[in-house]
N, C-alpha and C. Protein backbone atom coordinates (compact mmCIF):
# COMPACT_ATOMS: atom_id res chain seq x y z
N LYS A 1 7.86 23.70 -4.45
CA LYS A 1 6.79 24.67 -4.50
C LYS A 1 5.45 24.03 -4.15
N TYR A 2 5.18 22.86 -4.71
CA TYR A 2 3.91 22.19 -4.45
C TYR A 2 4.15 20.96 -3.60
N THR A 3 3.43 20.84 -2.52
CA THR A 3 3.53 19.67 -1.68
C THR A 3 2.13 19.18 -1.33
N HIS A 4 2.05 17.93 -1.00
CA HIS A 4 0.79 17.33 -0.58
C HIS A 4 1.03 16.55 0.70
N SER A 5 0.10 16.65 1.60
CA SER A 5 0.17 15.89 2.83
C SER A 5 -0.92 14.82 2.77
N ALA A 6 -0.56 13.60 3.12
CA ALA A 6 -1.53 12.52 3.12
C ALA A 6 -1.33 11.68 4.38
N PRO A 7 -1.84 12.16 5.51
CA PRO A 7 -1.71 11.37 6.74
C PRO A 7 -2.38 10.01 6.57
N MET A 8 -1.64 8.96 6.87
CA MET A 8 -2.13 7.61 6.68
C MET A 8 -2.55 7.04 8.03
N LEU A 9 -3.74 6.47 8.07
CA LEU A 9 -4.26 5.83 9.27
C LEU A 9 -3.96 4.34 9.17
N TRP A 10 -3.21 3.82 10.12
CA TRP A 10 -2.79 2.41 10.12
C TRP A 10 -3.61 1.62 11.13
N ARG A 11 -3.88 0.36 10.78
CA ARG A 11 -4.53 -0.55 11.73
C ARG A 11 -3.95 -1.95 11.56
N ILE A 12 -3.95 -2.70 12.63
CA ILE A 12 -3.51 -4.10 12.58
C ILE A 12 -4.70 -4.91 12.13
N GLU A 13 -4.54 -5.64 11.01
CA GLU A 13 -5.64 -6.47 10.50
C GLU A 13 -5.53 -7.92 10.94
N ALA A 14 -4.30 -8.39 11.17
CA ALA A 14 -4.11 -9.79 11.58
C ALA A 14 -2.80 -9.93 12.32
N MET A 15 -2.79 -10.85 13.28
CA MET A 15 -1.57 -11.15 14.02
C MET A 15 -1.01 -12.52 13.66
N ASP A 16 -1.79 -13.31 12.94
CA ASP A 16 -1.36 -14.68 12.61
C ASP A 16 -1.54 -14.98 11.12
N ASP A 17 -1.30 -13.98 10.29
CA ASP A 17 -1.48 -14.12 8.85
C ASP A 17 -0.35 -14.96 8.25
N THR A 18 -0.63 -15.58 7.13
CA THR A 18 0.39 -16.29 6.36
C THR A 18 0.63 -15.48 5.10
N VAL A 19 1.90 -15.20 4.80
CA VAL A 19 2.24 -14.50 3.57
C VAL A 19 3.12 -15.44 2.75
N THR A 20 2.78 -15.57 1.47
CA THR A 20 3.56 -16.41 0.56
C THR A 20 4.34 -15.50 -0.37
N LEU A 21 5.65 -15.65 -0.36
CA LEU A 21 6.52 -14.83 -1.20
C LEU A 21 6.57 -15.41 -2.60
N ARG A 22 7.10 -14.64 -3.55
CA ARG A 22 7.15 -15.09 -4.95
C ARG A 22 7.94 -16.37 -5.14
N ASN A 23 8.92 -16.62 -4.26
CA ASN A 23 9.72 -17.84 -4.39
C ASN A 23 8.99 -19.06 -3.82
N GLY A 24 7.75 -18.87 -3.37
CA GLY A 24 6.95 -19.98 -2.86
C GLY A 24 7.05 -20.17 -1.36
N GLN A 25 7.96 -19.47 -0.70
CA GLN A 25 8.13 -19.60 0.74
C GLN A 25 6.94 -18.99 1.47
N ALA A 26 6.36 -19.77 2.37
CA ALA A 26 5.25 -19.29 3.19
C ALA A 26 5.77 -18.95 4.58
N LEU A 27 5.46 -17.75 5.04
CA LEU A 27 5.89 -17.31 6.36
C LEU A 27 4.67 -17.15 7.25
N LYS A 28 4.76 -17.76 8.45
CA LYS A 28 3.67 -17.68 9.41
C LYS A 28 4.26 -17.83 10.80
N PRO A 29 3.84 -17.14 11.79
CA PRO A 29 2.80 -16.12 11.78
C PRO A 29 3.38 -14.76 11.37
N CYS A 30 2.58 -13.99 10.69
CA CYS A 30 2.95 -12.62 10.30
C CYS A 30 1.87 -11.65 10.78
N MET A 31 2.33 -10.47 11.14
CA MET A 31 1.40 -9.40 11.46
C MET A 31 1.14 -8.61 10.17
N ARG A 32 -0.14 -8.40 9.85
CA ARG A 32 -0.50 -7.65 8.65
C ARG A 32 -1.10 -6.30 9.07
N LEU A 33 -0.51 -5.24 8.54
CA LEU A 33 -0.99 -3.89 8.78
C LEU A 33 -1.60 -3.33 7.50
N ARG A 34 -2.60 -2.47 7.66
CA ARG A 34 -3.21 -1.80 6.51
C ARG A 34 -3.27 -0.31 6.81
N GLY A 35 -2.80 0.48 5.86
CA GLY A 35 -2.84 1.91 5.98
C GLY A 35 -3.68 2.52 4.88
N GLU A 36 -4.48 3.53 5.22
CA GLU A 36 -5.33 4.19 4.24
C GLU A 36 -5.19 5.70 4.38
N ALA A 37 -5.12 6.37 3.23
CA ALA A 37 -5.05 7.83 3.20
C ALA A 37 -5.75 8.32 1.93
N MET A 38 -6.08 9.59 1.91
CA MET A 38 -6.65 10.22 0.72
C MET A 38 -5.72 11.36 0.32
N LEU A 39 -5.42 11.42 -0.96
CA LEU A 39 -4.56 12.48 -1.49
C LEU A 39 -5.36 13.23 -2.53
N ASN A 40 -5.55 14.52 -2.33
CA ASN A 40 -6.33 15.34 -3.27
C ASN A 40 -5.40 15.82 -4.38
N LEU A 41 -5.60 15.29 -5.59
CA LEU A 41 -4.75 15.61 -6.74
C LEU A 41 -5.58 16.16 -7.89
N TYR A 42 -4.94 17.03 -8.67
CA TYR A 42 -5.56 17.47 -9.92
C TYR A 42 -5.32 16.35 -10.93
N THR A 43 -6.38 15.61 -11.25
CA THR A 43 -6.22 14.44 -12.12
C THR A 43 -6.35 14.78 -13.60
N ASP A 44 -7.26 15.66 -13.97
CA ASP A 44 -7.38 16.12 -15.36
C ASP A 44 -8.45 17.20 -15.44
N ALA A 45 -8.65 17.75 -16.64
CA ALA A 45 -9.60 18.85 -16.82
C ALA A 45 -11.04 18.40 -16.62
N VAL A 46 -11.33 17.14 -16.87
CA VAL A 46 -12.69 16.64 -16.72
C VAL A 46 -13.03 16.43 -15.24
N HIS A 47 -12.13 15.76 -14.52
CA HIS A 47 -12.39 15.43 -13.12
C HIS A 47 -11.94 16.53 -12.15
N GLY A 48 -11.03 17.40 -12.59
CA GLY A 48 -10.50 18.43 -11.69
C GLY A 48 -9.72 17.80 -10.56
N PHE A 49 -9.91 18.32 -9.36
CA PHE A 49 -9.25 17.75 -8.19
C PHE A 49 -10.06 16.55 -7.71
N THR A 50 -9.38 15.47 -7.45
CA THR A 50 -10.02 14.23 -7.05
C THR A 50 -9.31 13.66 -5.83
N ASP A 51 -10.08 13.12 -4.90
CA ASP A 51 -9.48 12.41 -3.77
C ASP A 51 -9.03 11.03 -4.26
N VAL A 52 -7.74 10.80 -4.20
CA VAL A 52 -7.16 9.54 -4.65
C VAL A 52 -6.86 8.69 -3.42
N PRO A 53 -7.48 7.50 -3.31
CA PRO A 53 -7.18 6.65 -2.17
C PRO A 53 -5.81 6.00 -2.30
N LEU A 54 -5.04 6.05 -1.22
CA LEU A 54 -3.76 5.36 -1.13
C LEU A 54 -3.93 4.24 -0.10
N ILE A 55 -3.65 3.03 -0.51
CA ILE A 55 -3.82 1.87 0.37
C ILE A 55 -2.50 1.12 0.44
N SER A 56 -2.00 0.94 1.65
CA SER A 56 -0.75 0.22 1.86
C SER A 56 -1.01 -0.98 2.75
N GLN A 57 -0.31 -2.07 2.47
CA GLN A 57 -0.33 -3.24 3.33
C GLN A 57 1.10 -3.65 3.60
N GLU A 58 1.37 -4.05 4.84
CA GLU A 58 2.70 -4.50 5.23
C GLU A 58 2.57 -5.78 6.03
N TRP A 59 3.50 -6.71 5.80
CA TRP A 59 3.56 -7.96 6.54
C TRP A 59 4.88 -8.03 7.28
N TYR A 60 4.80 -8.31 8.57
CA TYR A 60 5.99 -8.42 9.42
C TYR A 60 6.07 -9.83 10.00
N SER A 61 7.23 -10.46 9.83
CA SER A 61 7.50 -11.76 10.41
C SER A 61 8.20 -11.53 11.75
N LYS A 62 7.88 -12.36 12.73
CA LYS A 62 8.46 -12.20 14.07
C LYS A 62 9.99 -12.23 14.03
N ASP A 63 10.56 -13.11 13.24
CA ASP A 63 12.02 -13.28 13.22
C ASP A 63 12.73 -12.43 12.17
N GLN A 64 12.00 -11.96 11.14
CA GLN A 64 12.66 -11.29 10.02
C GLN A 64 12.25 -9.84 9.81
N GLY A 65 11.29 -9.35 10.55
CA GLY A 65 10.84 -7.97 10.36
C GLY A 65 9.95 -7.84 9.13
N LEU A 66 10.04 -6.71 8.45
CA LEU A 66 9.21 -6.45 7.26
C LEU A 66 9.60 -7.42 6.14
N VAL A 67 8.63 -8.22 5.67
CA VAL A 67 8.92 -9.19 4.61
C VAL A 67 8.17 -8.89 3.31
N LYS A 68 7.12 -8.08 3.38
CA LYS A 68 6.38 -7.75 2.16
C LYS A 68 5.66 -6.41 2.35
N PHE A 69 5.57 -5.66 1.24
CA PHE A 69 4.92 -4.35 1.24
C PHE A 69 4.16 -4.20 -0.07
N GLU A 70 2.94 -3.69 0.00
CA GLU A 70 2.15 -3.38 -1.21
C GLU A 70 1.52 -2.00 -1.05
N ARG A 71 1.51 -1.25 -2.15
CA ARG A 71 0.87 0.08 -2.13
C ARG A 71 0.05 0.23 -3.40
N THR A 72 -1.21 0.59 -3.25
CA THR A 72 -2.11 0.79 -4.38
C THR A 72 -2.60 2.23 -4.37
N GLU A 73 -2.56 2.84 -5.55
CA GLU A 73 -3.08 4.20 -5.73
C GLU A 73 -4.15 4.12 -6.81
N LYS A 74 -5.39 4.35 -6.43
CA LYS A 74 -6.53 4.21 -7.34
C LYS A 74 -6.90 5.56 -7.92
N VAL A 75 -6.32 5.88 -9.07
CA VAL A 75 -6.56 7.15 -9.74
C VAL A 75 -7.62 6.92 -10.83
N PRO A 76 -8.63 7.80 -10.94
CA PRO A 76 -9.61 7.62 -12.02
C PRO A 76 -8.94 7.73 -13.38
N LYS A 77 -9.53 7.05 -14.37
CA LYS A 77 -8.97 7.09 -15.73
C LYS A 77 -8.93 8.52 -16.23
N GLY A 78 -7.85 8.84 -16.94
CA GLY A 78 -7.68 10.19 -17.46
C GLY A 78 -6.22 10.52 -17.62
N PHE A 79 -5.82 11.69 -17.19
CA PHE A 79 -4.47 12.20 -17.37
C PHE A 79 -3.43 11.40 -16.58
N LEU A 80 -3.73 11.09 -15.32
CA LEU A 80 -2.79 10.34 -14.48
C LEU A 80 -3.12 8.85 -14.49
N THR A 81 -2.14 8.07 -14.15
CA THR A 81 -2.37 6.63 -14.01
C THR A 81 -2.01 6.21 -12.60
N GLY A 82 -2.83 5.41 -12.02
CA GLY A 82 -2.53 4.84 -10.72
C GLY A 82 -1.80 3.53 -10.92
N GLY A 83 -1.69 2.79 -9.88
CA GLY A 83 -1.03 1.51 -10.02
C GLY A 83 -0.76 0.87 -8.68
N LYS A 84 0.07 -0.16 -8.75
CA LYS A 84 0.40 -0.94 -7.57
C LYS A 84 1.90 -1.11 -7.50
N LEU A 85 2.45 -0.91 -6.33
CA LEU A 85 3.86 -1.10 -6.06
C LEU A 85 3.98 -2.19 -5.03
N SER A 86 4.90 -3.12 -5.25
CA SER A 86 5.09 -4.16 -4.23
C SER A 86 6.57 -4.47 -4.09
N ALA A 87 6.94 -4.86 -2.90
CA ALA A 87 8.31 -5.25 -2.60
C ALA A 87 8.27 -6.36 -1.57
N GLU A 88 9.23 -7.25 -1.66
CA GLU A 88 9.29 -8.32 -0.67
C GLU A 88 10.73 -8.76 -0.46
N ARG A 89 10.93 -9.41 0.65
CA ARG A 89 12.24 -9.91 1.02
C ARG A 89 12.64 -11.03 0.06
N ILE A 90 13.90 -11.02 -0.32
CA ILE A 90 14.43 -12.10 -1.16
C ILE A 90 15.64 -12.71 -0.45
N ASP A 91 15.89 -13.95 -0.76
CA ASP A 91 17.05 -14.63 -0.16
C ASP A 91 18.30 -14.34 -0.92
């Protein structure tokens, strides 16, 4: 019944970035992409509808493809909680 559309604008931020995975492995060169979108959500009775920024970053290794992903949703304090989601390649 309720849907939201949040078109994300992507840009290449770096072509020779180094990304270090949790296991300590450093991968270079990596392409780093950043995506930004705004999602209009009803956050609470005080703030009403608020534009919530969605920020995604992705790192791609030439030989391995997508190796790391991060997504941040910055929701104002109140009824909803924002947060950060991350995933990365593991051996």
